[in-house]
Amino acid sequence: MKSWKGGKFEYFLYILVSLFILLSSFSIYYLYNKKVIIAFGICTILFSFFYVFYKVKLEKKKIIFPFSAIVILASVCLLVLCWKGISAYGIYVTIVFLLLVLLIHLVNTLGDLHLLVNAFVLTVVCGACISLLFWFFGSIVHLINPSGTIDLFWGTEQTVNNYYGLYFEPQYSDTFIGRFHLTCRNSFIYPEAPVCCFMLISANLLNNLFIKNKTSNLILLIAILSTLTVTGFLYVMALVLSSSINSKTKSHLKVFAQIISFILILFCVLFFASSLLSAKMESGSGVDRAAHMMSELNAFRKSPIYGFGFNTFTDGSSNSITALLADGGILLFMLYYCPLFFSIFKMKNKDDKIICLAFIFVFMITVVHYLPVSVFLICCLCMHSNCKQVF
């Protein structure tokens, strides 16, 4: 992997781009300061784009122009496709889609994709460490007290604890580990734990594909479990299954230890996932989500090609499959899922394929398709599978 010391200024720019992705993916900061974060992000991405473009050799720049034309055309088609439900947010998402895809392609042309991914993973790992610190010592054992409260409107208006602007408590839990009572989900700077979980899973996926840093992997996995989400537990279970199936150890003692560990971890993950799923169904959330899914499928049947417009059904949805089909029909659905499955098809490593399949499952059952982190992740996956030729 390329060392960041070879391009300190580029690495700094990539850190800023990563911060924008974290903050703009529906963080609490974004909900309170949309214009500031959007302006910061667009300026950062544009400056990074022109700086990297300046560094790319002349013969490689010829590759960029036809690709840029294709991406701009795709962005215009996205706007036209979703024009019935277009809004300021829809225009913003399209602009971010355009800029991020062009930047990542340019960074890959320069040969700095690992550097960009490294910056993103490092940024998320630092955030995971901060969130775990306040989650355990603040929310769970109450050794750290909140510095204040904020009023948060996310579905309903509520007052949530604020820990020095670095961690918030928007979602509580009622999960028991033996006699240990977990009363709060780790949501970090996000209004709900599933969004935080998806961000952590994204960083974990990129770390496993590009960097393979074991320390980062462990921190991210612990943080994923601390969100106390069914999605997080299922993702960790998939990684455990993959690790156990592909283990190449020959020692009988180690094999036995691995089997016992696998059974214990599998049991724990299934137990907590079952507990969380049962609690969700008992609260009525599961019934509401099922009803919303049926309305999305009915909308797709009425307009299977173009859908009913940008973000029309996504608000309140429970998965990206029916939400995309209802919003933009088959065309919008293919814009997201074709690159994902094509990336897996082009991968040669079986472990990478299993991890990516686990991520696609997470992406399917989480409503994050319009967030910048989703665009960033899908682009990186395409570049990983076949560098510059996938696009």
Protein backbone atom coordinates (compact mmCIF):
# COMPACT_ATOMS: atom_id res chain seq x y z
CA MET A 1 0.00 0.00 0.00
CA LYS A 2 1.23 3.45 -0.85
CA SER A 3 2.52 5.37 2.15
CA TRP A 4 0.74 8.61 2.98
CA LYS A 5 4.13 10.24 3.52
CA GLY A 6 4.55 10.29 -0.27
CA GLY A 7 1.84 12.95 -0.57
CA LYS A 8 1.07 14.75 2.69
CA PHE A 9 -0.99 17.51 1.09
CA GLU A 10 -3.03 15.01 -0.95
CA TYR A 11 -3.64 12.99 2.20
CA PHE A 12 -4.83 16.13 4.00
CA LEU A 13 -7.26 16.83 1.16
CA TYR A 14 -8.53 13.25 1.28
CA ILE A 15 -9.08 13.59 5.04
CA LEU A 16 -11.21 16.69 4.38
CA VAL A 17 -13.21 14.81 1.74
CA SER A 18 -13.70 11.97 4.24
CA LEU A 19 -14.90 14.41 6.91
CA PHE A 20 -17.42 15.79 4.45
CA ILE A 21 -18.70 12.26 3.71
CA LEU A 22 -19.09 11.57 7.45
CA LEU A 23 -20.78 14.87 8.25
CA SER A 24 -23.03 15.07 5.19
CA SER A 25 -24.41 11.52 5.56
CA PHE A 26 -27.29 12.77 7.74
CA SER A 27 -25.18 13.51 10.81
CA ILE A 28 -26.66 15.72 13.52
CA TYR A 29 -24.25 18.45 12.40
CA TYR A 30 -25.73 18.22 8.89
CA LEU A 31 -29.28 18.51 10.22
CA TYR A 32 -28.35 21.75 12.01
CA ASN A 33 -25.89 23.26 9.50
CA LYS A 34 -26.81 21.97 6.03
CA LYS A 35 -25.66 24.99 4.06
CA VAL A 36 -22.28 25.20 5.80
CA ILE A 37 -21.50 21.49 5.37
CA ILE A 38 -22.69 21.44 1.74
CA ALA A 39 -20.58 24.50 0.89
CA PHE A 40 -17.58 23.00 2.69
CA GLY A 41 -17.98 19.68 0.88
CA ILE A 42 -18.45 21.06 -2.63
CA CYS A 43 -15.50 23.45 -2.25
CA THR A 44 -13.29 20.67 -0.84
CA ILE A 45 -14.17 18.20 -3.59
CA LEU A 46 -13.73 20.80 -6.35
CA PHE A 47 -10.36 21.94 -5.00
CA SER A 48 -9.23 18.31 -4.62
CA PHE A 49 -10.41 17.54 -8.15
CA PHE A 50 -8.49 20.38 -9.79
CA TYR A 51 -5.40 19.73 -7.66
CA VAL A 52 -5.33 16.03 -8.58
CA PHE A 53 -6.14 16.86 -12.21
CA TYR A 54 -3.09 19.16 -12.26
CA LYS A 55 -0.90 16.28 -11.01
CA VAL A 56 -2.14 13.69 -13.51
CA LYS A 57 0.13 13.20 -16.52
CA LEU A 58 -0.99 14.66 -19.84
CA GLU A 59 -1.48 11.31 -21.60
CA LYS A 60 -3.74 10.07 -18.80
CA LYS A 61 -5.90 13.20 -18.91
CA LYS A 62 -7.25 12.07 -22.28
CA ILE A 63 -8.91 9.14 -20.49
CA ILE A 64 -10.71 11.46 -18.08
CA PHE A 65 -12.68 13.54 -20.61
CA PRO A 66 -14.83 10.78 -22.17
CA PHE A 67 -15.47 9.32 -18.72
CA SER A 68 -16.47 12.76 -17.42
CA ALA A 69 -18.91 13.16 -20.31
CA ILE A 70 -20.52 9.81 -19.43
CA VAL A 71 -20.84 10.74 -15.72
CA ILE A 72 -22.30 14.17 -16.53
CA LEU A 73 -24.79 12.51 -18.88
CA ALA A 74 -25.71 10.00 -16.15
CA SER A 75 -26.21 12.87 -13.68
CA VAL A 76 -28.50 14.71 -16.11
CA CYS A 77 -30.45 11.48 -16.66
CA LEU A 78 -30.74 11.08 -12.88
CA LEU A 79 -32.25 14.56 -12.60
CA VAL A 80 -34.63 13.94 -15.50
CA LEU A 81 -35.56 10.54 -14.09
CA CYS A 82 -36.44 11.98 -10.69
CA TRP A 83 -37.78 15.32 -11.91
CA LYS A 84 -41.31 14.60 -10.70
CA GLY A 85 -40.10 14.60 -7.12
CA ILE A 86 -37.14 16.93 -7.51
CA SER A 87 -36.18 19.23 -4.66
CA ALA A 88 -33.18 21.21 -3.47
CA TYR A 89 -31.99 18.05 -1.73
CA GLY A 90 -32.36 16.09 -4.97
CA ILE A 91 -30.23 18.60 -6.88
CA TYR A 92 -27.64 18.52 -4.08
CA VAL A 93 -27.49 14.68 -4.16
CA THR A 94 -27.02 14.74 -7.94
CA ILE A 95 -24.20 17.30 -7.71
CA VAL A 96 -22.45 15.30 -4.99
CA PHE A 97 -22.90 12.12 -7.06
CA LEU A 98 -21.29 13.83 -10.05
CA LEU A 99 -18.37 15.35 -8.12
CA LEU A 100 -17.56 12.25 -6.05
CA VAL A 101 -17.57 9.89 -9.03
CA LEU A 102 -15.31 12.22 -11.03
CA LEU A 103 -12.94 12.74 -8.10
CA ILE A 104 -12.59 9.04 -7.31
CA HIS A 105 -11.97 8.19 -10.96
CA LEU A 106 -9.33 10.93 -11.13
CA VAL A 107 -7.68 9.78 -7.90
CA ASN A 108 -7.57 6.24 -9.26
CA THR A 109 -6.01 7.53 -12.50
CA LEU A 110 -3.31 9.21 -10.42
CA GLY A 111 -2.77 5.93 -8.53
CA ASP A 112 -3.87 7.34 -5.17
CA LEU A 113 -7.03 5.31 -4.57
CA HIS A 114 -5.46 3.43 -1.66
CA LEU A 115 -4.48 6.79 -0.17
CA LEU A 116 -8.05 8.08 -0.39
CA VAL A 117 -9.47 4.87 1.11
CA ASN A 118 -6.83 4.96 3.86
CA ALA A 119 -7.86 8.51 4.75
CA PHE A 120 -11.54 7.56 4.89
CA VAL A 121 -10.93 4.46 7.03
CA LEU A 122 -8.64 6.38 9.39
CA THR A 123 -11.25 9.13 9.80
CA VAL A 124 -14.00 6.62 10.61
CA VAL A 125 -11.73 4.64 12.98
CA CYS A 126 -10.94 7.82 14.91
CA GLY A 127 -14.66 8.53 15.12
CA ALA A 128 -15.30 4.95 16.25
CA CYS A 129 -12.76 5.30 19.07
CA ILE A 130 -14.37 8.54 20.26
CA SER A 131 -17.87 7.06 20.10
CA LEU A 132 -16.84 3.89 21.98
CA LEU A 133 -15.22 6.00 24.70
CA PHE A 134 -18.34 8.08 25.35
CA TRP A 135 -20.73 5.18 24.75
CA PHE A 136 -19.13 2.91 27.35
CA PHE A 137 -17.95 5.40 29.97
CA GLY A 138 -20.85 7.82 29.43
CA SER A 139 -23.97 5.98 28.28
CA ILE A 140 -23.32 2.58 29.90
CA VAL A 141 -21.32 3.00 33.14
CA HIS A 142 -22.04 6.75 33.57
CA LEU A 143 -18.51 7.81 34.52
CA ILE A 144 -18.65 10.67 32.01
CA ASN A 145 -21.56 13.08 32.32
CA PRO A 146 -23.22 14.84 29.36
CA SER A 147 -22.08 18.41 28.76
CA GLY A 148 -25.62 19.46 27.84
CA THR A 149 -28.62 18.62 25.66
CA ILE A 150 -29.88 19.50 22.19
CA ASP A 151 -33.34 19.43 20.61
CA LEU A 152 -33.35 16.93 17.76
CA PHE A 153 -36.12 16.47 15.22
CA TRP A 154 -35.82 13.08 13.53
CA GLY A 155 -39.26 11.69 12.88
CA THR A 156 -40.34 13.11 16.22
CA GLU A 157 -38.92 15.95 18.28
CA GLN A 158 -36.84 14.89 21.27
CA THR A 159 -34.20 16.20 23.66
CA VAL A 160 -30.98 14.18 23.52
CA ASN A 161 -27.83 14.22 25.63
CA ASN A 162 -24.79 15.91 24.12
CA TYR A 163 -21.24 14.91 25.06
CA TYR A 164 -19.09 17.92 24.10
CA GLY A 165 -20.40 17.86 20.54
CA LEU A 166 -18.55 14.58 19.88
CA TYR A 167 -21.22 12.06 20.79
CA PHE A 168 -25.02 12.10 21.21
CA GLU A 169 -27.65 9.79 22.72
CA PRO A 170 -30.66 9.84 20.35
CA GLN A 171 -31.61 6.17 20.75
CA TYR A 172 -31.96 4.09 23.89
CA SER A 173 -32.03 0.33 24.24
CA ASP A 174 -33.13 -2.37 26.65
CA THR A 175 -30.59 -5.10 25.91
CA PHE A 176 -29.18 -7.46 28.54
CA ILE A 177 -25.86 -9.34 28.39
CA GLY A 178 -26.27 -11.56 31.42
CA ARG A 179 -26.71 -9.07 34.26
CA PHE A 180 -25.15 -6.27 32.25
CA HIS A 181 -27.81 -3.84 31.02
CA LEU A 182 -27.09 -1.90 27.80
CA THR A 183 -29.41 1.09 27.96
CA CYS A 184 -28.17 3.05 24.94
CA ARG A 185 -27.15 2.44 21.34
CA ASN A 186 -23.92 3.88 20.02
CA SER A 187 -25.10 6.41 17.43
CA PHE A 188 -21.94 8.59 17.50
CA ILE A 189 -22.89 11.88 15.73
CA TYR A 190 -25.91 10.45 13.91
CA PRO A 191 -29.63 10.70 14.75
CA GLU A 192 -30.06 6.92 14.76
CA ALA A 193 -27.85 3.87 15.24
CA PRO A 194 -28.49 2.22 11.81
CA VAL A 195 -26.92 5.20 9.98
CA CYS A 196 -23.89 5.03 12.28
CA CYS A 197 -23.72 1.26 11.79
CA PHE A 198 -23.71 1.63 8.00
CA MET A 199 -20.86 4.16 8.16
CA LEU A 200 -18.82 1.77 10.33
CA ILE A 201 -19.60 -1.19 8.05
CA SER A 202 -18.51 0.86 5.02
CA ALA A 203 -15.15 1.62 6.62
CA ASN A 204 -14.75 -2.01 7.69
CA LEU A 205 -15.49 -3.23 4.16
CA LEU A 206 -12.96 -0.86 2.58
CA ASN A 207 -10.39 -1.76 5.23
CA ASN A 208 -10.80 -5.47 4.44
CA LEU A 209 -10.59 -4.91 0.69
CA PHE A 210 -7.82 -2.31 0.43
CA ILE A 211 -5.85 -1.93 3.66
CA LYS A 212 -6.29 -5.11 5.75
CA ASN A 213 -5.29 -3.43 9.01
CA LYS A 214 -6.20 -5.80 11.86
CA THR A 215 -6.32 -3.10 14.55
CA SER A 216 -8.71 -0.96 12.52
CA ASN A 217 -10.78 -4.02 11.75
CA LEU A 218 -11.14 -4.92 15.45
CA ILE A 219 -12.06 -1.35 16.48
CA LEU A 220 -14.67 -1.09 13.73
CA LEU A 221 -16.21 -4.48 14.57
CA ILE A 222 -16.55 -3.56 18.26
CA ALA A 223 -18.11 -0.24 17.28
CA ILE A 224 -20.52 -2.02 14.90
CA LEU A 225 -21.68 -4.32 17.71
CA SER A 226 -22.08 -1.34 20.07
CA THR A 227 -24.77 0.11 17.77
CA LEU A 228 -26.97 -2.81 18.90
CA THR A 229 -28.60 -3.11 15.47
CA VAL A 230 -29.78 -6.29 13.78
CA THR A 231 -27.91 -5.20 10.66
CA GLY A 232 -24.64 -4.90 12.58
CA PHE A 233 -24.98 -8.31 14.21
CA LEU A 234 -25.79 -10.00 10.90
CA TYR A 235 -22.80 -8.35 9.22
CA VAL A 236 -20.43 -9.49 11.99
CA MET A 237 -21.91 -12.99 11.78
CA ALA A 238 -21.20 -13.04 8.03
CA LEU A 239 -17.57 -12.06 8.65
CA VAL A 240 -17.22 -14.76 11.33
CA LEU A 241 -18.67 -17.36 8.95
CA SER A 242 -16.33 -16.25 6.19
CA SER A 243 -13.30 -16.35 8.48
CA SER A 244 -14.16 -19.83 9.81
CA ILE A 245 -14.93 -21.35 6.41
CA ASN A 246 -11.75 -20.04 4.80
CA SER A 247 -9.39 -20.85 7.68
CA LYS A 248 -6.33 -22.80 6.47
CA THR A 249 -4.83 -23.91 9.79
CA LYS A 250 -3.65 -27.54 10.01
CA SER A 251 -3.31 -27.89 13.78
CA HIS A 252 -6.11 -30.05 15.24
CA LEU A 253 -6.06 -28.06 18.48
CA LYS A 254 -6.40 -24.77 16.62
CA VAL A 255 -9.16 -26.19 14.43
CA PHE A 256 -11.05 -27.34 17.53
CA ALA A 257 -10.58 -23.93 19.18
CA GLN A 258 -11.82 -22.22 16.04
CA ILE A 259 -14.90 -24.43 15.89
CA ILE A 260 -15.75 -23.74 19.55
CA SER A 261 -15.15 -20.00 19.09
CA PHE A 262 -17.25 -19.97 15.95
CA ILE A 263 -20.17 -21.74 17.68
CA LEU A 264 -20.03 -19.37 20.66
CA ILE A 265 -19.84 -16.23 18.52
CA LEU A 266 -22.58 -17.51 16.22
CA PHE A 267 -24.81 -18.26 19.21
CA CYS A 268 -24.21 -14.82 20.75
CA VAL A 269 -24.83 -12.97 17.48
CA LEU A 270 -28.01 -14.91 16.73
CA PHE A 271 -29.25 -14.43 20.31
CA PHE A 272 -28.79 -10.65 20.27
CA ALA A 273 -30.11 -10.31 16.70
CA SER A 274 -33.20 -12.32 17.68
CA SER A 275 -33.72 -10.21 20.83
CA LEU A 276 -33.47 -6.95 18.91
CA LEU A 277 -35.74 -8.19 16.11
CA SER A 278 -38.37 -9.38 18.61
CA ALA A 279 -38.29 -6.04 20.41
CA LYS A 280 -38.71 -4.22 17.09
CA MET A 281 -41.72 -6.33 16.10
CA GLU A 282 -43.32 -5.94 19.54
CA SER A 283 -42.99 -2.14 19.32
CA GLY A 284 -45.04 -2.02 16.11
CA SER A 285 -42.11 -0.81 14.03
CA GLY A 286 -42.06 -4.04 12.04
CA VAL A 287 -45.75 -3.73 11.13
CA ASP A 288 -45.29 -0.13 9.94
CA ARG A 289 -42.30 -1.10 7.82
CA ALA A 290 -44.17 -3.99 6.22
CA ALA A 291 -47.06 -1.66 5.33
CA HIS A 292 -44.65 0.92 3.85
CA MET A 293 -42.95 -1.79 1.81
CA MET A 294 -46.28 -2.86 0.31
CA SER A 295 -47.05 0.74 -0.71
CA GLU A 296 -43.63 0.94 -2.40
CA LEU A 297 -44.25 -2.28 -4.33
CA ASN A 298 -47.67 -1.01 -5.43
CA ALA A 299 -46.05 2.23 -6.62
CA PHE A 300 -43.46 0.23 -8.58
CA ARG A 301 -46.20 -1.78 -10.30
CA LYS A 302 -47.87 1.46 -11.42
CA SER A 303 -44.64 2.99 -12.79
CA PRO A 304 -41.98 0.26 -13.20
CA ILE A 305 -39.59 2.21 -15.49
CA TYR A 306 -39.35 5.74 -14.07
CA GLY A 307 -40.95 5.48 -10.64
CA PHE A 308 -42.71 8.37 -8.92
CA GLY A 309 -39.83 10.81 -8.44
CA PHE A 310 -36.77 11.43 -6.30
CA ASN A 311 -37.15 10.69 -2.57
CA THR A 312 -40.93 10.24 -2.89
CA PHE A 313 -41.06 6.92 -1.00
CA THR A 314 -37.61 6.79 0.62
CA ASP A 315 -38.67 8.83 3.64
CA GLY A 316 -40.01 6.26 6.12
CA SER A 317 -38.80 3.28 4.10
CA SER A 318 -37.03 0.28 5.62
CA ASN A 319 -34.91 -0.94 2.70
CA SER A 320 -33.22 0.37 -0.42
CA ILE A 321 -34.70 -2.19 -2.83
CA THR A 322 -38.36 -1.20 -2.72
CA ALA A 323 -37.49 2.46 -2.04
CA LEU A 324 -35.38 2.73 -5.20
CA LEU A 325 -37.93 0.84 -7.28
CA ALA A 326 -40.72 3.15 -6.11
CA ASP A 327 -38.69 6.37 -6.47
CA GLY A 328 -36.98 5.75 -9.80
CA GLY A 329 -38.17 2.41 -11.12
CA ILE A 330 -35.87 -0.11 -12.75
CA LEU A 331 -33.55 2.61 -14.09
CA LEU A 332 -32.65 4.06 -10.68
CA PHE A 333 -32.43 0.56 -9.20
CA MET A 334 -29.93 -0.50 -11.87
CA LEU A 335 -27.85 2.65 -11.30
CA TYR A 336 -27.02 1.36 -7.82
CA TYR A 337 -27.16 -2.43 -7.98
CA CYS A 338 -25.56 -3.11 -11.37
CA PRO A 339 -22.17 -1.62 -10.32
CA LEU A 340 -22.32 -3.56 -7.03
CA PHE A 341 -22.96 -6.96 -8.58
CA PHE A 342 -20.59 -6.27 -11.47
CA SER A 343 -17.84 -5.46 -8.96
CA ILE A 344 -18.34 -8.79 -7.20
CA PHE A 345 -18.39 -10.63 -10.53
CA LYS A 346 -14.98 -9.13 -11.43
CA MET A 347 -13.37 -9.94 -8.07
CA LYS A 348 -11.08 -12.96 -7.99
CA ASN A 349 -10.62 -13.34 -4.23
CA LYS A 350 -13.36 -15.46 -2.61
CA ASP A 351 -13.02 -13.70 0.76
CA ASP A 352 -13.54 -10.31 -0.91
CA LYS A 353 -16.65 -11.62 -2.64
CA ILE A 354 -18.16 -12.88 0.63
CA ILE A 355 -17.49 -9.56 2.36
CA CYS A 356 -19.03 -7.62 -0.53
CA LEU A 357 -22.09 -9.89 -0.57
CA ALA A 358 -22.49 -9.21 3.16
CA PHE A 359 -22.30 -5.49 2.43
CA ILE A 360 -24.89 -5.72 -0.36
CA PHE A 361 -27.22 -7.43 2.10
CA VAL A 362 -26.67 -4.55 4.54
CA PHE A 363 -27.24 -2.02 1.76
CA MET A 364 -30.48 -3.75 0.82
CA ILE A 365 -32.00 -3.54 4.31
CA THR A 366 -30.76 -0.03 5.14
CA VAL A 367 -32.11 3.22 3.68
CA VAL A 368 -28.85 5.01 2.85
CA HIS A 369 -28.80 5.03 -0.95
CA TYR A 370 -28.90 8.84 -1.32
CA LEU A 371 -26.10 9.46 1.19
CA PRO A 372 -22.61 10.47 -0.06
CA VAL A 373 -21.05 7.48 1.73
CA SER A 374 -23.02 5.10 -0.51
CA VAL A 375 -21.79 6.79 -3.70
CA PHE A 376 -18.23 6.81 -2.34
CA LEU A 377 -18.36 3.14 -1.42
CA ILE A 378 -19.85 1.91 -4.69
CA CYS A 379 -17.24 3.87 -6.67
CA CYS A 380 -14.39 2.42 -4.61
CA LEU A 381 -15.74 -1.11 -5.08
CA CYS A 382 -15.86 -0.63 -8.84
CA MET A 383 -12.30 0.71 -8.88
CA HIS A 384 -11.12 -2.18 -6.71
CA SER A 385 -12.60 -4.83 -8.98
CA ASN A 386 -10.98 -3.65 -12.18
CA CYS A 387 -9.28 -0.31 -11.59
CA LYS A 388 -10.17 2.12 -14.36
CA GLN A 389 -12.05 -0.17 -16.73
CA VAL A 390 -15.21 -0.80 -14.70
CA PHE A 391 -16.59 2.69 -15.38
